[in-house]
C-alpha atoms as a PDB file:
ATOM      1  CA  UNK A   1     111.115 116.573 112.138  1.00  0.00           C
ATOM      2  CA  UNK A   2     107.325 117.260 111.898  1.00  0.00           C
ATOM      3  CA  UNK A   3     107.168 117.214 108.132  1.00  0.00           C
ATOM      4  CA  UNK A   4     108.959 113.581 108.035  1.00  0.00           C
ATOM      5  CA  UNK A   5     106.175 111.826 110.557  1.00  0.00           C
ATOM      6  CA  UNK A   6     103.571 113.427 108.495  1.00  0.00           C
ATOM      7  CA  UNK A   7     105.158 111.863 105.472  1.00  0.00           C
ATOM      8  CA  UNK A   8     105.272 108.832 106.726  1.00  0.00           C
ATOM      9  CA  UNK A   9     101.995 108.822 107.954  1.00  0.00           C
ATOM     10  CA  UNK A  10     100.626 109.406 104.345  1.00  0.00           C
ATOM     11  CA  UNK A  11     103.123 106.456 103.159  1.00  0.00           C
ATOM     12  CA  UNK A  12     101.173 104.428 105.236  1.00  0.00           C
ATOM     13  CA  UNK A  13      97.517 105.483 103.910  1.00  0.00           C
ATOM     14  CA  UNK A  14      98.952 104.662 100.556  1.00  0.00           C
ATOM     15  CA  UNK A  15     100.670 101.593 101.331  1.00  0.00           C
ATOM     16  CA  UNK A  16      96.932 100.276 102.530  1.00  0.00           C
ATOM     17  CA  UNK A  17      95.481 100.921  99.045  1.00  0.00           C
ATOM     18  CA  UNK A  18      96.685  97.833  97.396  1.00  0.00           C
ATOM     19  CA  UNK A  19      97.282  99.146  93.689  1.00  0.00           C
ATOM     20  CA  UNK A  20      97.346  96.442  91.044  1.00  0.00           C
ATOM     21  CA  UNK A  21      99.404  96.517  87.912  1.00  0.00           C
ATOM     22  CA  UNK A  22      97.710  95.935  84.165  1.00  0.00           C
ATOM     23  CA  UNK A  23      99.589  92.862  83.063  1.00  0.00           C
ATOM     24  CA  UNK A  24      98.419  94.368  79.344  1.00  0.00           C
ATOM     25  CA  UNK A  25      99.875  97.563  80.071  1.00  0.00           C
ATOM     26  CA  UNK A  26     102.907  96.392  81.353  1.00  0.00           C
ATOM     27  CA  UNK A  27     103.740  93.810  78.246  1.00  0.00           C
ATOM     28  CA  UNK A  28     103.934  96.919  76.225  1.00  0.00           C
ATOM     29  CA  UNK A  29     105.386  99.634  78.541  1.00  0.00           C
ATOM     30  CA  UNK A  30     106.282 101.165  75.062  1.00  0.00           C
ATOM     31  CA  UNK A  31     103.297 101.857  73.445  1.00  0.00           C
ATOM     32  CA  UNK A  32     102.053 103.979  77.328  1.00  0.00           C
ATOM     33  CA  UNK A  33     105.316 105.976  77.822  1.00  0.00           C
ATOM     34  CA  UNK A  34     105.057 106.981  81.281  1.00  0.00           C
ATOM     35  CA  UNK A  35     103.982 110.260  83.383  1.00  0.00           C
ATOM     36  CA  UNK A  36     107.202 110.214  85.894  1.00  0.00           C
ATOM     37  CA  UNK A  37     104.382 109.618  88.598  1.00  0.00           C
ATOM     38  CA  UNK A  38     105.469 106.437  90.508  1.00  0.00           C
ATOM     39  CA  UNK A  39     103.802 104.443  92.811  1.00  0.00           C
ATOM     40  CA  UNK A  40     104.013 100.998  95.010  1.00  0.00           C
ATOM     41  CA  UNK A  41     102.594  98.157  92.770  1.00  0.00           C
ATOM     42  CA  UNK A  42     101.590  94.716  92.957  1.00  0.00           C
ATOM     43  CA  UNK A  43     103.086  93.170  89.952  1.00  0.00           C
ATOM     44  CA  UNK A  44     100.568  89.971  89.679  1.00  0.00           C
ATOM     45  CA  UNK A  45     103.010  88.620  86.436  1.00  0.00           C
ATOM     46  CA  UNK A  46     106.121  88.653  88.573  1.00  0.00           C
ATOM     47  CA  UNK A  47     104.038  87.895  91.854  1.00  0.00           C
ATOM     48  CA  UNK A  48     105.905  91.143  93.507  1.00  0.00           C
ATOM     49  CA  UNK A  49     105.671  94.620  94.956  1.00  0.00           C
ATOM     50  CA  UNK A  50     107.346  97.023  92.382  1.00  0.00           C
ATOM     51  CA  UNK A  51     107.619 101.089  91.619  1.00  0.00           C
ATOM     52  CA  UNK A  52     105.954 101.513  88.784  1.00  0.00           C
ATOM     53  CA  UNK A  53     104.273 104.712  86.476  1.00  0.00           C
ATOM     54  CA  UNK A  54     100.510 105.448  86.996  1.00  0.00           C
ATOM     55  CA  UNK A  55     100.262 104.863  83.492  1.00  0.00           C
ATOM     56  CA  UNK A  56     100.793 100.883  83.922  1.00  0.00           C
ATOM     57  CA  UNK A  57      98.326 100.445  86.724  1.00  0.00           C
ATOM     58  CA  UNK A  58      95.115  98.525  86.171  1.00  0.00           C
ATOM     59  CA  UNK A  59      91.998 100.645  85.389  1.00  0.00           C
ATOM     60  CA  UNK A  60      90.538 100.631  89.011  1.00  0.00           C
ATOM     61  CA  UNK A  61      93.344 100.789  90.606  1.00  0.00           C
ATOM     62  CA  UNK A  62      94.074 104.579  88.875  1.00  0.00           C
ATOM     63  CA  UNK A  63      90.520 105.121  90.032  1.00  0.00           C
ATOM     64  CA  UNK A  64      91.276 104.273  93.635  1.00  0.00           C
ATOM     65  CA  UNK A  65      94.605 106.139  94.159  1.00  0.00           C
ATOM     66  CA  UNK A  66      93.247 109.566  92.219  1.00  0.00           C
ATOM     67  CA  UNK A  67      90.749 109.243  94.868  1.00  0.00           C
ATOM     68  CA  UNK A  68      93.111 108.430  97.800  1.00  0.00           C
ATOM     69  CA  UNK A  69      93.783 112.072  98.852  1.00  0.00           C
ATOM     70  CA  UNK A  70      90.095 112.571  99.688  1.00  0.00           C
ATOM     71  CA  UNK A  71      89.180 113.915  96.171  1.00  0.00           C
ATOM     72  CA  UNK A  72      86.052 113.261  94.507  1.00  0.00           C
ATOM     73  CA  UNK A  73      85.693 114.718  90.831  1.00  0.00           C
ATOM     74  CA  UNK A  74      84.573 112.298  88.087  1.00  0.00           C
ATOM     75  CA  UNK A  75      85.038 114.586  85.421  1.00  0.00           C
ATOM     76  CA  UNK A  76      88.859 115.349  86.137  1.00  0.00           C
ATOM     77  CA  UNK A  77      89.399 111.764  86.829  1.00  0.00           C
ATOM     78  CA  UNK A  78      87.759 111.002  83.800  1.00  0.00           C
ATOM     79  CA  UNK A  79      89.748 113.438  81.458  1.00  0.00           C
ATOM     80  CA  UNK A  80      93.116 111.981  83.238  1.00  0.00           C
ATOM     81  CA  UNK A  81      91.662 108.401  82.321  1.00  0.00           C
ATOM     82  CA  UNK A  82      91.193 109.660  78.797  1.00  0.00           C
ATOM     83  CA  UNK A  83      94.787 111.198  78.624  1.00  0.00           C
ATOM     84  CA  UNK A  84      96.454 107.987  79.971  1.00  0.00           C
ATOM     85  CA  UNK A  85      94.512 105.957  77.300  1.00  0.00           C
ATOM     86  CA  UNK A  86      91.611 104.296  79.569  1.00  0.00           C
ATOM     87  CA  UNK A  87      88.712 106.381  78.171  1.00  0.00           C
ATOM     88  CA  UNK A  88      86.319 107.502  80.883  1.00  0.00           C
ATOM     89  CA  UNK A  89      86.921 105.934  83.990  1.00  0.00           C
ATOM     90  CA  UNK A  90      83.089 106.802  85.310  1.00  0.00           C
ATOM     91  CA  UNK A  91      80.119 104.673  83.429  1.00  0.00           C
ATOM     92  CA  UNK A  92      78.915 107.813  81.219  1.00  0.00           C
ATOM     93  CA  UNK A  93      75.199 106.311  80.977  1.00  0.00           C
ATOM     94  CA  UNK A  94      75.501 106.169  77.408  1.00  0.00           C
END
């Protein structure tokens, strides 16, 4: 019971993030593949909420999702961004 209540509380935090899909990535899904990690995000083209792989998130939404559990590790966030084809998610100062 406790685990279920905890999970419901965590889900409510996630729902308030308003993750957005990147329309260009959605149009070319095959190019980006998938990670198997799905989140609830808004599809601006279809104008509806959907479940989508994190590789289809808009760059800002990906960074917001990565930080959503209290994390703050710019190096690791940049590595994820590079691996998913976004490049650095943080300004590298160059």
